[in-house]
Amino acid sequence: MARNLSVKLPACPEGGSFAKGSGIKPVNQVELDLQVYPNPTTTSFRVQVSGQVNEQATIRVMDLQGRELSRKIVMAGSVHSFGSDLKAGTYLVEVLQGCKRTVQKLVKL
């Protein structure tokens, strides 16, 4: 009995590379990390992206339906303030850098 397996992979920007590995991360590989504070807040959020130094990252703020509300191109290590114009509610902040992606939930009171 033959079985078919279908897998959908997200698009990766040109220049991205894939390799079969042993599961051990190289010493020079940097993880993408996102810090959002204060969370929850009544005013604005501060976002700090820690990732590959000297490489651009994209910060997107979306509502829970996936609609993009704002987008910024930033450098890793920098801190950015946003959200003063958002209404009370729950939002998602997504950071993309190369083929790496991280998402965090935000609450504005």
PDB file of N, CA and C in Angstrom:
ATOM      1  N   MET A   1       0.844  -1.167   0.000  1.00  0.00           N
ATOM      2  CA  MET A   1       0.000   0.000   0.000  1.00  0.00           C
ATOM      3  C   MET A   1       0.896   1.239   0.000  1.00  0.00           C
ATOM      4  N   ALA A   2       0.780   2.051  -1.025  1.00  0.00           N
ATOM      5  CA  ALA A   2       1.603   3.262  -1.142  1.00  0.00           C
ATOM      6  C   ALA A   2       0.902   4.424  -0.455  1.00  0.00           C
ATOM      7  N   ARG A   3       1.703   5.276   0.184  1.00  0.00           N
ATOM      8  CA  ARG A   3       1.169   6.461   0.854  1.00  0.00           C
ATOM      9  C   ARG A   3       1.831   7.694   0.254  1.00  0.00           C
ATOM     10  N   ASN A   4       1.061   8.727   0.085  1.00  0.00           N
ATOM     11  CA  ASN A   4       1.587   9.998  -0.404  1.00  0.00           C
ATOM     12  C   ASN A   4       1.621  10.994   0.737  1.00  0.00           C
ATOM     13  N   LEU A   5       2.675  11.747   0.815  1.00  0.00           N
ATOM     14  CA  LEU A   5       2.830  12.779   1.829  1.00  0.00           C
ATOM     15  C   LEU A   5       3.048  14.105   1.126  1.00  0.00           C
ATOM     16  N   SER A   6       2.239  15.094   1.472  1.00  0.00           N
ATOM     17  CA  SER A   6       2.354  16.417   0.879  1.00  0.00           C
ATOM     18  C   SER A   6       2.761  17.402   1.962  1.00  0.00           C
ATOM     19  N   VAL A   7       3.793  18.188   1.685  1.00  0.00           N
ATOM     20  CA  VAL A   7       4.301  19.156   2.654  1.00  0.00           C
ATOM     21  C   VAL A   7       4.387  20.513   1.978  1.00  0.00           C
ATOM     22  N   LYS A   8       3.847  21.557   2.637  1.00  0.00           N
ATOM     23  CA  LYS A   8       3.961  22.923   2.130  1.00  0.00           C
ATOM     24  C   LYS A   8       5.001  23.642   2.969  1.00  0.00           C
ATOM     25  N   LEU A   9       5.987  24.215   2.314  1.00  0.00           N
ATOM     26  CA  LEU A   9       7.041  24.956   2.999  1.00  0.00           C
ATOM     27  C   LEU A   9       6.896  26.437   2.691  1.00  0.00           C
ATOM     28  N   PRO A  10       7.167  27.310   3.698  1.00  0.00           N
ATOM     29  CA  PRO A  10       7.093  28.747   3.426  1.00  0.00           C
ATOM     30  C   PRO A  10       8.195  29.178   2.473  1.00  0.00           C
ATOM     31  N   ALA A  11       7.933  30.250   1.755  1.00  0.00           N
ATOM     32  CA  ALA A  11       8.928  30.781   0.825  1.00  0.00           C
ATOM     33  C   ALA A  11      10.112  31.337   1.597  1.00  0.00           C
ATOM     34  N   CYS A  12      11.276  31.192   1.025  1.00  0.00           N
ATOM     35  CA  CYS A  12      12.498  31.716   1.628  1.00  0.00           C
ATOM     36  C   CYS A  12      13.094  32.708   0.639  1.00  0.00           C
ATOM     37  N   PRO A  13      13.604  33.835   1.130  1.00  0.00           N
ATOM     38  CA  PRO A  13      14.174  34.812   0.201  1.00  0.00           C
ATOM     39  C   PRO A  13      15.354  34.237  -0.574  1.00  0.00           C
ATOM     40  N   GLU A  14      15.632  34.833  -1.739  1.00  0.00           N
ATOM     41  CA  GLU A  14      16.770  34.386  -2.535  1.00  0.00           C
ATOM     42  C   GLU A  14      18.034  34.423  -1.706  1.00  0.00           C
ATOM     43  N   GLY A  15      18.880  33.464  -1.915  1.00  0.00           N
ATOM     44  CA  GLY A  15      20.128  33.409  -1.159  1.00  0.00           C
ATOM     45  C   GLY A  15      20.003  32.540   0.077  1.00  0.00           C
ATOM     46  N   GLY A  16      18.759  32.158   0.438  1.00  0.00           N
ATOM     47  CA  GLY A  16      18.573  31.267   1.582  1.00  0.00           C
ATOM     48  C   GLY A  16      19.104  29.895   1.222  1.00  0.00           C
ATOM     49  N   SER A  17      19.589  29.166   2.187  1.00  0.00           N
ATOM     50  CA  SER A  17      20.131  27.847   1.888  1.00  0.00           C
ATOM     51  C   SER A  17      19.566  26.825   2.853  1.00  0.00           C
ATOM     52  N   PHE A  18      19.499  25.606   2.407  1.00  0.00           N
ATOM     53  CA  PHE A  18      19.007  24.507   3.209  1.00  0.00           C
ATOM     54  C   PHE A  18      20.043  23.400   3.177  1.00  0.00           C
ATOM     55  N   ALA A  19      20.190  22.733   4.282  1.00  0.00           N
ATOM     56  CA  ALA A  19      21.126  21.621   4.334  1.00  0.00           C
ATOM     57  C   ALA A  19      20.639  20.611   5.353  1.00  0.00           C
ATOM     58  N   LYS A  20      20.891  19.360   5.081  1.00  0.00           N
ATOM     59  CA  LYS A  20      20.567  18.317   6.039  1.00  0.00           C
ATOM     60  C   LYS A  20      21.662  18.335   7.095  1.00  0.00           C
ATOM     61  N   GLY A  21      21.263  18.401   8.342  1.00  0.00           N
ATOM     62  CA  GLY A  21      22.257  18.503   9.409  1.00  0.00           C
ATOM     63  C   GLY A  21      22.065  17.439  10.465  1.00  0.00           C
ATOM     64  N   SER A  22      22.920  17.499  11.438  1.00  0.00           N
ATOM     65  CA  SER A  22      22.894  16.520  12.518  1.00  0.00           C
ATOM     66  C   SER A  22      22.020  16.965  13.675  1.00  0.00           C
ATOM     67  N   GLY A  23      21.444  18.184  13.601  1.00  0.00           N
ATOM     68  CA  GLY A  23      20.653  18.693  14.707  1.00  0.00           C
ATOM     69  C   GLY A  23      21.481  19.519  15.672  1.00  0.00           C
ATOM     70  N   ILE A  24      22.780  19.587  15.461  1.00  0.00           N
ATOM     71  CA  ILE A  24      23.665  20.390  16.297  1.00  0.00           C
ATOM     72  C   ILE A  24      23.859  21.726  15.603  1.00  0.00           C
ATOM     73  N   LYS A  25      23.563  22.811  16.327  1.00  0.00           N
ATOM     74  CA  LYS A  25      23.673  24.140  15.736  1.00  0.00           C
ATOM     75  C   LYS A  25      25.125  24.584  15.698  1.00  0.00           C
ATOM     76  N   PRO A  26      25.550  25.175  14.588  1.00  0.00           N
ATOM     77  CA  PRO A  26      26.901  25.727  14.536  1.00  0.00           C
ATOM     78  C   PRO A  26      27.047  26.837  15.575  1.00  0.00           C
ATOM     79  N   VAL A  27      28.246  27.020  16.066  1.00  0.00           N
ATOM     80  CA  VAL A  27      28.511  28.014  17.099  1.00  0.00           C
ATOM     81  C   VAL A  27      28.167  29.419  16.630  1.00  0.00           C
ATOM     82  N   ASN A  28      28.355  29.736  15.361  1.00  0.00           N
ATOM     83  CA  ASN A  28      28.132  31.092  14.868  1.00  0.00           C
ATOM     84  C   ASN A  28      26.688  31.380  14.471  1.00  0.00           C
ATOM     85  N   GLN A  29      25.786  30.396  14.585  1.00  0.00           N
ATOM     86  CA  GLN A  29      24.392  30.615  14.214  1.00  0.00           C
ATOM     87  C   GLN A  29      23.678  31.371  15.334  1.00  0.00           C
ATOM     88  N   VAL A  30      22.988  32.457  14.985  1.00  0.00           N
ATOM     89  CA  VAL A  30      22.305  33.296  15.960  1.00  0.00           C
ATOM     90  C   VAL A  30      20.804  33.089  15.819  1.00  0.00           C
ATOM     91  N   GLU A  31      20.137  32.859  16.942  1.00  0.00           N
ATOM     92  CA  GLU A  31      18.686  32.697  16.938  1.00  0.00           C
ATOM     93  C   GLU A  31      18.011  34.061  16.866  1.00  0.00           C
ATOM     94  N   LEU A  32      16.837  34.086  16.301  1.00  0.00           N
ATOM     95  CA  LEU A  32      16.031  35.294  16.235  1.00  0.00           C
ATOM     96  C   LEU A  32      15.204  35.370  17.508  1.00  0.00           C
ATOM     97  N   ASP A  33      15.316  36.473  18.240  1.00  0.00           N
ATOM     98  CA  ASP A  33      14.602  36.630  19.501  1.00  0.00           C
ATOM     99  C   ASP A  33      13.878  37.967  19.496  1.00  0.00           C
ATOM    100  N   LEU A  34      12.750  38.003  20.171  1.00  0.00           N
ATOM    101  CA  LEU A  34      11.900  39.183  20.209  1.00  0.00           C
ATOM    102  C   LEU A  34      11.527  39.471  21.651  1.00  0.00           C
ATOM    103  N   GLN A  35      11.750  40.692  22.097  1.00  0.00           N
ATOM    104  CA  GLN A  35      11.323  41.123  23.430  1.00  0.00           C
ATOM    105  C   GLN A  35      10.360  42.284  23.262  1.00  0.00           C
ATOM    106  N   VAL A  36       9.164  42.148  23.863  1.00  0.00           N
ATOM    107  CA  VAL A  36       8.148  43.193  23.797  1.00  0.00           C
ATOM    108  C   VAL A  36       7.791  43.585  25.220  1.00  0.00           C
ATOM    109  N   TYR A  37       7.856  44.872  25.523  1.00  0.00           N
ATOM    110  CA  TYR A  37       7.542  45.333  26.872  1.00  0.00           C
ATOM    111  C   TYR A  37       7.023  46.763  26.817  1.00  0.00           C
ATOM    112  N   PRO A  38       6.229  47.229  27.753  1.00  0.00           N
ATOM    113  CA  PRO A  38       5.492  46.393  28.702  1.00  0.00           C
ATOM    114  C   PRO A  38       4.362  45.668  27.977  1.00  0.00           C
ATOM    115  N   ASN A  39       4.007  44.521  28.445  1.00  0.00           N
ATOM    116  CA  ASN A  39       2.947  43.727  27.832  1.00  0.00           C
ATOM    117  C   ASN A  39       2.184  43.012  28.936  1.00  0.00           C
ATOM    118  N   PRO A  40       0.969  43.430  29.241  1.00  0.00           N
ATOM    119  CA  PRO A  40       0.102  44.381  28.540  1.00  0.00           C
ATOM    120  C   PRO A  40       0.467  45.831  28.851  1.00  0.00           C
ATOM    121  N   THR A  41      -0.106  46.733  28.055  1.00  0.00           N
ATOM    122  CA  THR A  41       0.134  48.167  28.248  1.00  0.00           C
ATOM    123  C   THR A  41      -1.133  48.956  27.952  1.00  0.00           C
ATOM    124  N   THR A  42      -1.155  50.190  28.427  1.00  0.00           N
ATOM    125  CA  THR A  42      -2.258  51.098  28.100  1.00  0.00           C
ATOM    126  C   THR A  42      -1.795  52.181  27.136  1.00  0.00           C
ATOM    127  N   THR A  43      -0.486  52.270  26.894  1.00  0.00           N
ATOM    128  CA  THR A  43       0.053  53.321  26.020  1.00  0.00           C
ATOM    129  C   THR A  43       0.706  52.724  24.784  1.00  0.00           C
ATOM    130  N   SER A  44       2.017  52.508  24.809  1.00  0.00           N
ATOM    131  CA  SER A  44       2.723  51.960  23.642  1.00  0.00           C
ATOM    132  C   SER A  44       3.648  50.828  24.075  1.00  0.00           C
ATOM    133  N   PHE A  45       4.071  50.033  23.095  1.00  0.00           N
ATOM    134  CA  PHE A  45       4.975  48.901  23.305  1.00  0.00           C
ATOM    135  C   PHE A  45       6.371  49.276  22.831  1.00  0.00           C
ATOM    136  N   ARG A  46       7.362  48.650  23.418  1.00  0.00           N
ATOM    137  CA  ARG A  46       8.741  48.757  22.931  1.00  0.00           C
ATOM    138  C   ARG A  46       9.136  47.356  22.465  1.00  0.00           C
ATOM    139  N   VAL A  47       9.755  47.299  21.304  1.00  0.00           N
ATOM    140  CA  VAL A  47      10.163  46.022  20.713  1.00  0.00           C
ATOM    141  C   VAL A  47      11.664  46.028  20.505  1.00  0.00           C
ATOM    142  N   GLN A  48      12.319  44.956  20.965  1.00  0.00           N
ATOM    143  CA  GLN A  48      13.749  44.781  20.706  1.00  0.00           C
ATOM    144  C   GLN A  48      13.931  43.453  19.986  1.00  0.00           C
ATOM    145  N   VAL A  49      14.605  43.510  18.847  1.00  0.00           N
ATOM    146  CA  VAL A  49      14.880  42.329  18.036  1.00  0.00           C
ATOM    147  C   VAL A  49      16.336  41.947  18.228  1.00  0.00           C
ATOM    148  N   SER A  50      16.567  40.710  18.633  1.00  0.00           N
ATOM    149  CA  SER A  50      17.929  40.188  18.746  1.00  0.00           C
ATOM    150  C   SER A  50      18.070  39.101  17.696  1.00  0.00           C
ATOM    151  N   GLY A  51      18.952  39.293  16.760  1.00  0.00           N
ATOM    152  CA  GLY A  51      19.146  38.331  15.687  1.00  0.00           C
ATOM    153  C   GLY A  51      20.513  38.520  15.084  1.00  0.00           C
ATOM    154  N   GLN A  52      20.637  38.180  13.815  1.00  0.00           N
ATOM    155  CA  GLN A  52      21.895  38.321  13.098  1.00  0.00           C
ATOM    156  C   GLN A  52      22.273  39.799  13.031  1.00  0.00           C
ATOM    157  N   VAL A  53      23.405  40.156  13.618  1.00  0.00           N
ATOM    158  CA  VAL A  53      23.851  41.549  13.669  1.00  0.00           C
ATOM    159  C   VAL A  53      24.106  42.068  12.254  1.00  0.00           C
ATOM    160  N   ASN A  54      23.830  43.338  12.041  1.00  0.00           N
ATOM    161  CA  ASN A  54      24.018  44.013  10.747  1.00  0.00           C
ATOM    162  C   ASN A  54      23.148  43.426   9.642  1.00  0.00           C
ATOM    163  N   GLU A  55      22.030  42.828  10.021  1.00  0.00           N
ATOM    164  CA  GLU A  55      21.096  42.307   9.030  1.00  0.00           C
ATOM    165  C   GLU A  55      19.716  42.876   9.333  1.00  0.00           C
ATOM    166  N   GLN A  56      19.005  43.299   8.301  1.00  0.00           N
ATOM    167  CA  GLN A  56      17.682  43.882   8.490  1.00  0.00           C
ATOM    168  C   GLN A  56      16.674  42.839   8.943  1.00  0.00           C
ATOM    169  N   ALA A  57      15.701  43.304   9.715  1.00  0.00           N
ATOM    170  CA  ALA A  57      14.570  42.480  10.132  1.00  0.00           C
ATOM    171  C   ALA A  57      13.304  43.285   9.861  1.00  0.00           C
ATOM    172  N   THR A  58      12.212  42.593   9.634  1.00  0.00           N
ATOM    173  CA  THR A  58      10.928  43.241   9.407  1.00  0.00           C
ATOM    174  C   THR A  58      10.033  42.981  10.607  1.00  0.00           C
ATOM    175  N   ILE A  59       9.476  44.054  11.177  1.00  0.00           N
ATOM    176  CA  ILE A  59       8.508  43.936  12.267  1.00  0.00           C
ATOM    177  C   ILE A  59       7.138  44.239  11.682  1.00  0.00           C
ATOM    178  N   ARG A  60       6.197  43.302  11.875  1.00  0.00           N
ATOM    179  CA  ARG A  60       4.821  43.515  11.422  1.00  0.00           C
ATOM    180  C   ARG A  60       3.886  43.394  12.616  1.00  0.00           C
ATOM    181  N   VAL A  61       2.918  44.303  12.708  1.00  0.00           N
ATOM    182  CA  VAL A  61       1.877  44.226  13.731  1.00  0.00           C
ATOM    183  C   VAL A  61       0.584  43.876  13.018  1.00  0.00           C
ATOM    184  N   MET A  62      -0.098  42.832  13.533  1.00  0.00           N
ATOM    185  CA  MET A  62      -1.320  42.353  12.897  1.00  0.00           C
ATOM    186  C   MET A  62      -2.417  42.191  13.937  1.00  0.00           C
ATOM    187  N   ASP A  63      -3.672  42.304  13.487  1.00  0.00           N
ATOM    188  CA  ASP A  63      -4.776  41.978  14.374  1.00  0.00           C
ATOM    189  C   ASP A  63      -4.959  40.462  14.344  1.00  0.00           C
ATOM    190  N   LEU A  64      -5.904  39.953  15.130  1.00  0.00           N
ATOM    191  CA  LEU A  64      -6.070  38.500  15.214  1.00  0.00           C
ATOM    192  C   LEU A  64      -6.679  37.886  13.960  1.00  0.00           C
ATOM    193  N   GLN A  65      -7.154  38.701  13.031  1.00  0.00           N
ATOM    194  CA  GLN A  65      -7.638  38.192  11.741  1.00  0.00           C
ATOM    195  C   GLN A  65      -6.516  38.143  10.712  1.00  0.00           C
ATOM    196  N   GLY A  66      -5.310  38.556  11.107  1.00  0.00           N
ATOM    197  CA  GLY A  66      -4.161  38.508  10.211  1.00  0.00           C
ATOM    198  C   GLY A  66      -3.978  39.747   9.354  1.00  0.00           C
ATOM    199  N   ARG A  67      -4.791  40.781   9.575  1.00  0.00           N
ATOM    200  CA  ARG A  67      -4.641  42.023   8.806  1.00  0.00           C
ATOM    201  C   ARG A  67      -3.423  42.787   9.314  1.00  0.00           C
ATOM    202  N   GLU A  68      -2.568  43.195   8.396  1.00  0.00           N
ATOM    203  CA  GLU A  68      -1.371  43.950   8.762  1.00  0.00           C
ATOM    204  C   GLU A  68      -1.753  45.390   9.090  1.00  0.00           C
ATOM    205  N   LEU A  69      -1.361  45.838  10.294  1.00  0.00           N
ATOM    206  CA  LEU A  69      -1.664  47.194  10.740  1.00  0.00           C
ATOM    207  C   LEU A  69      -0.468  48.117  10.601  1.00  0.00           C
ATOM    208  N   SER A  70       0.732  47.569  10.739  1.00  0.00           N
ATOM    209  CA  SER A  70       1.941  48.374  10.533  1.00  0.00           C
ATOM    210  C   SER A  70       3.106  47.463  10.203  1.00  0.00           C
ATOM    211  N   ARG A  71       4.133  48.078   9.594  1.00  0.00           N
ATOM    212  CA  ARG A  71       5.335  47.340   9.189  1.00  0.00           C
ATOM    213  C   ARG A  71       6.522  48.279   9.293  1.00  0.00           C
ATOM    214  N   LYS A  72       7.635  47.767   9.851  1.00  0.00           N
ATOM    215  CA  LYS A  72       8.872  48.544   9.952  1.00  0.00           C
ATOM    216  C   LYS A  72      10.039  47.658   9.554  1.00  0.00           C
ATOM    217  N   ILE A  73      11.003  48.230   8.862  1.00  0.00           N
ATOM    218  CA  ILE A  73      12.266  47.564   8.570  1.00  0.00           C
ATOM    219  C   ILE A  73      13.273  48.113   9.579  1.00  0.00           C
ATOM    220  N   VAL A  74      13.905  47.214  10.347  1.00  0.00           N
ATOM    221  CA  VAL A  74      14.811  47.634  11.425  1.00  0.00           C
ATOM    222  C   VAL A  74      16.100  46.824  11.357  1.00  0.00           C
ATOM    223  N   MET A  75      17.073  47.234  12.130  1.00  0.00           N
ATOM    224  CA  MET A  75      18.312  46.473  12.287  1.00  0.00           C
ATOM    225  C   MET A  75      18.245  45.715  13.606  1.00  0.00           C
ATOM    226  N   ALA A  76      18.772  44.502  13.639  1.00  0.00           N
ATOM    227  CA  ALA A  76      18.787  43.703  14.860  1.00  0.00           C
ATOM    228  C   ALA A  76      19.524  44.458  15.957  1.00  0.00           C
ATOM    229  N   GLY A  77      19.021  44.353  17.173  1.00  0.00           N
ATOM    230  CA  GLY A  77      19.633  45.009  18.317  1.00  0.00           C
ATOM    231  C   GLY A  77      19.022  46.352  18.638  1.00  0.00           C
ATOM    232  N   SER A  78      18.252  46.908  17.713  1.00  0.00           N
ATOM    233  CA  SER A  78      17.646  48.214  17.955  1.00  0.00           C
ATOM    234  C   SER A  78      16.314  48.060  18.694  1.00  0.00           C
ATOM    235  N   VAL A  79      15.886  49.133  19.352  1.00  0.00           N
ATOM    236  CA  VAL A  79      14.626  49.155  20.098  1.00  0.00           C
ATOM    237  C   VAL A  79      13.681  50.135  19.411  1.00  0.00           C
ATOM    238  N   HIS A  80      12.432  49.723  19.223  1.00  0.00           N
ATOM    239  CA  HIS A  80      11.445  50.553  18.532  1.00  0.00           C
ATOM    240  C   HIS A  80      10.172  50.628  19.344  1.00  0.00           C
ATOM    241  N   SER A  81       9.550  51.795  19.338  1.00  0.00           N
ATOM    242  CA  SER A  81       8.302  52.019  20.049  1.00  0.00           C
ATOM    243  C   SER A  81       7.163  52.071  19.039  1.00  0.00           C
ATOM    244  N   PHE A  82       6.031  51.457  19.376  1.00  0.00           N
ATOM    245  CA  PHE A  82       4.866  51.495  18.501  1.00  0.00           C
ATOM    246  C   PHE A  82       3.624  51.173  19.325  1.00  0.00           C
ATOM    247  N   GLY A  83       2.470  51.348  18.731  1.00  0.00           N
ATOM    248  CA  GLY A  83       1.217  50.937  19.351  1.00  0.00           C
ATOM    249  C   GLY A  83       0.423  52.043  20.005  1.00  0.00           C
ATOM    250  N   SER A  84       0.945  53.263  20.038  1.00  0.00           N
ATOM    251  CA  SER A  84       0.193  54.345  20.677  1.00  0.00           C
ATOM    252  C   SER A  84      -1.114  54.619  19.931  1.00  0.00           C
ATOM    253  N   ASP A  85      -1.157  54.286  18.642  1.00  0.00           N
ATOM    254  CA  ASP A  85      -2.355  54.511  17.834  1.00  0.00           C
ATOM    255  C   ASP A  85      -3.304  53.314  17.815  1.00  0.00           C
ATOM    256  N   LEU A  86      -2.938  52.207  18.477  1.00  0.00           N
ATOM    257  CA  LEU A  86      -3.785  51.015  18.486  1.00  0.00           C
ATOM    258  C   LEU A  86      -4.902  51.155  19.514  1.00  0.00           C
ATOM    259  N   LYS A  87      -6.067  50.609  19.182  1.00  0.00           N
ATOM    260  CA  LYS A  87      -7.179  50.558  20.124  1.00  0.00           C
ATOM    261  C   LYS A  87      -6.936  49.409  21.096  1.00  0.00           C
ATOM    262  N   ALA A  88      -7.679  49.398  22.201  1.00  0.00           N
ATOM    263  CA  ALA A  88      -7.579  48.292  23.156  1.00  0.00           C
ATOM    264  C   ALA A  88      -7.919  46.988  22.435  1.00  0.00           C
ATOM    265  N   GLY A  89      -7.133  45.950  22.686  1.00  0.00           N
ATOM    266  CA  GLY A  89      -7.369  44.661  22.046  1.00  0.00           C
ATOM    267  C   GLY A  89      -6.126  43.796  22.079  1.00  0.00           C
ATOM    268  N   THR A  90      -6.206  42.673  21.387  1.00  0.00           N
ATOM    269  CA  THR A  90      -5.102  41.721  21.312  1.00  0.00           C
ATOM    270  C   THR A  90      -4.532  41.751  19.900  1.00  0.00           C
ATOM    271  N   TYR A  91      -3.216  41.770  19.821  1.00  0.00           N
ATOM    272  CA  TYR A  91      -2.518  41.882  18.544  1.00  0.00           C
ATOM    273  C   TYR A  91      -1.381  40.871  18.487  1.00  0.00           C
ATOM    274  N   LEU A  92      -0.840  40.673  17.293  1.00  0.00           N
ATOM    275  CA  LEU A  92       0.332  39.825  17.097  1.00  0.00           C
ATOM    276  C   LEU A  92       1.448  40.677  16.516  1.00  0.00           C
ATOM    277  N   VAL A  93       2.661  40.497  17.038  1.00  0.00           N
ATOM    278  CA  VAL A  93       3.828  41.140  16.438  1.00  0.00           C
ATOM    279  C   VAL A  93       4.692  40.017  15.872  1.00  0.00           C
ATOM    280  N   GLU A  94       5.064  40.153  14.608  1.00  0.00           N
ATOM    281  CA  GLU A  94       5.851  39.145  13.903  1.00  0.00           C
ATOM    282  C   GLU A  94       7.162  39.786  13.473  1.00  0.00           C
ATOM    283  N   VAL A  95       8.252  39.052  13.670  1.00  0.00           N
ATOM    284  CA  VAL A  95       9.559  39.513  13.212  1.00  0.00           C
ATOM    285  C   VAL A  95      10.100  38.486  12.229  1.00  0.00           C
ATOM    286  N   LEU A  96      10.556  38.966  11.076  1.00  0.00           N
ATOM    287  CA  LEU A  96      11.149  38.128  10.033  1.00  0.00           C
ATOM    288  C   LEU A  96      12.567  38.603   9.783  1.00  0.00           C
ATOM    289  N   GLN A  97      13.498  37.651   9.745  1.00  0.00           N
ATOM    290  CA  GLN A  97      14.886  37.977   9.396  1.00  0.00           C
ATOM    291  C   GLN A  97      15.432  36.790   8.621  1.00  0.00           C
ATOM    292  N   GLY A  98      15.659  37.006   7.322  1.00  0.00           N
ATOM    293  CA  GLY A  98      16.078  35.893   6.473  1.00  0.00           C
ATOM    294  C   GLY A  98      14.969  34.853   6.433  1.00  0.00           C
ATOM    295  N   CYS A  99      15.291  33.610   6.767  1.00  0.00           N
ATOM    296  CA  CYS A  99      14.302  32.527   6.797  1.00  0.00           C
ATOM    297  C   CYS A  99      13.756  32.302   8.202  1.00  0.00           C
ATOM    298  N   LYS A 100      14.115  33.148   9.135  1.00  0.00           N
ATOM    299  CA  LYS A 100      13.680  32.974  10.525  1.00  0.00           C
ATOM    300  C   LYS A 100      12.471  33.854  10.804  1.00  0.00           C
ATOM    301  N   ARG A 101      11.577  33.340  11.670  1.00  0.00           N
ATOM    302  CA  ARG A 101      10.339  34.047  11.994  1.00  0.00           C
ATOM    303  C   ARG A 101       9.986  33.779  13.447  1.00  0.00           C
ATOM    304  N   THR A 102       9.534  34.812  14.151  1.00  0.00           N
ATOM    305  CA  THR A 102       9.025  34.639  15.506  1.00  0.00           C
ATOM    306  C   THR A 102       7.816  35.548  15.679  1.00  0.00           C
ATOM    307  N   VAL A 103       6.851  35.094  16.491  1.00  0.00           N
ATOM    308  CA  VAL A 103       5.601  35.820  16.702  1.00  0.00           C
ATOM    309  C   VAL A 103       5.321  35.882  18.197  1.00  0.00           C
ATOM    310  N   GLN A 104       4.802  37.025  18.643  1.00  0.00           N
ATOM    311  CA  GLN A 104       4.429  37.174  20.047  1.00  0.00           C
ATOM    312  C   GLN A 104       3.096  37.908  20.131  1.00  0.00           C
ATOM    313  N   LYS A 105       2.286  37.526  21.127  1.00  0.00           N
ATOM    314  CA  LYS A 105       0.983  38.149  21.334  1.00  0.00           C
ATOM    315  C   LYS A 105       1.140  39.404  22.190  1.00  0.00           C
ATOM    316  N   LEU A 106       0.405  40.470  21.821  1.00  0.00           N
ATOM    317  CA  LEU A 106       0.411  41.737  22.552  1.00  0.00           C
ATOM    318  C   LEU A 106      -0.994  42.037  23.046  1.00  0.00           C
ATOM    319  N   VAL A 107      -1.090  42.650  24.225  1.00  0.00           N
ATOM    320  CA  VAL A 107      -2.393  43.053  24.755  1.00  0.00           C
ATOM    321  C   VAL A 107      -2.341  44.534  25.097  1.00  0.00           C
ATOM    322  N   LYS A 108      -3.266  45.285  24.504  1.00  0.00           N
ATOM    323  CA  LYS A 108      -3.389  46.708  24.834  1.00  0.00           C
ATOM    324  C   LYS A 108      -4.687  46.879  25.607  1.00  0.00           C
ATOM    325  N   LEU A 109      -4.565  47.452  26.798  1.00  0.00           N
ATOM    326  CA  LEU A 109      -5.730  47.618  27.680  1.00  0.00           C
ATOM    327  C   LEU A 109      -6.432  48.938  27.433  1.00  0.00           C
TER     328      LEU A 109
END
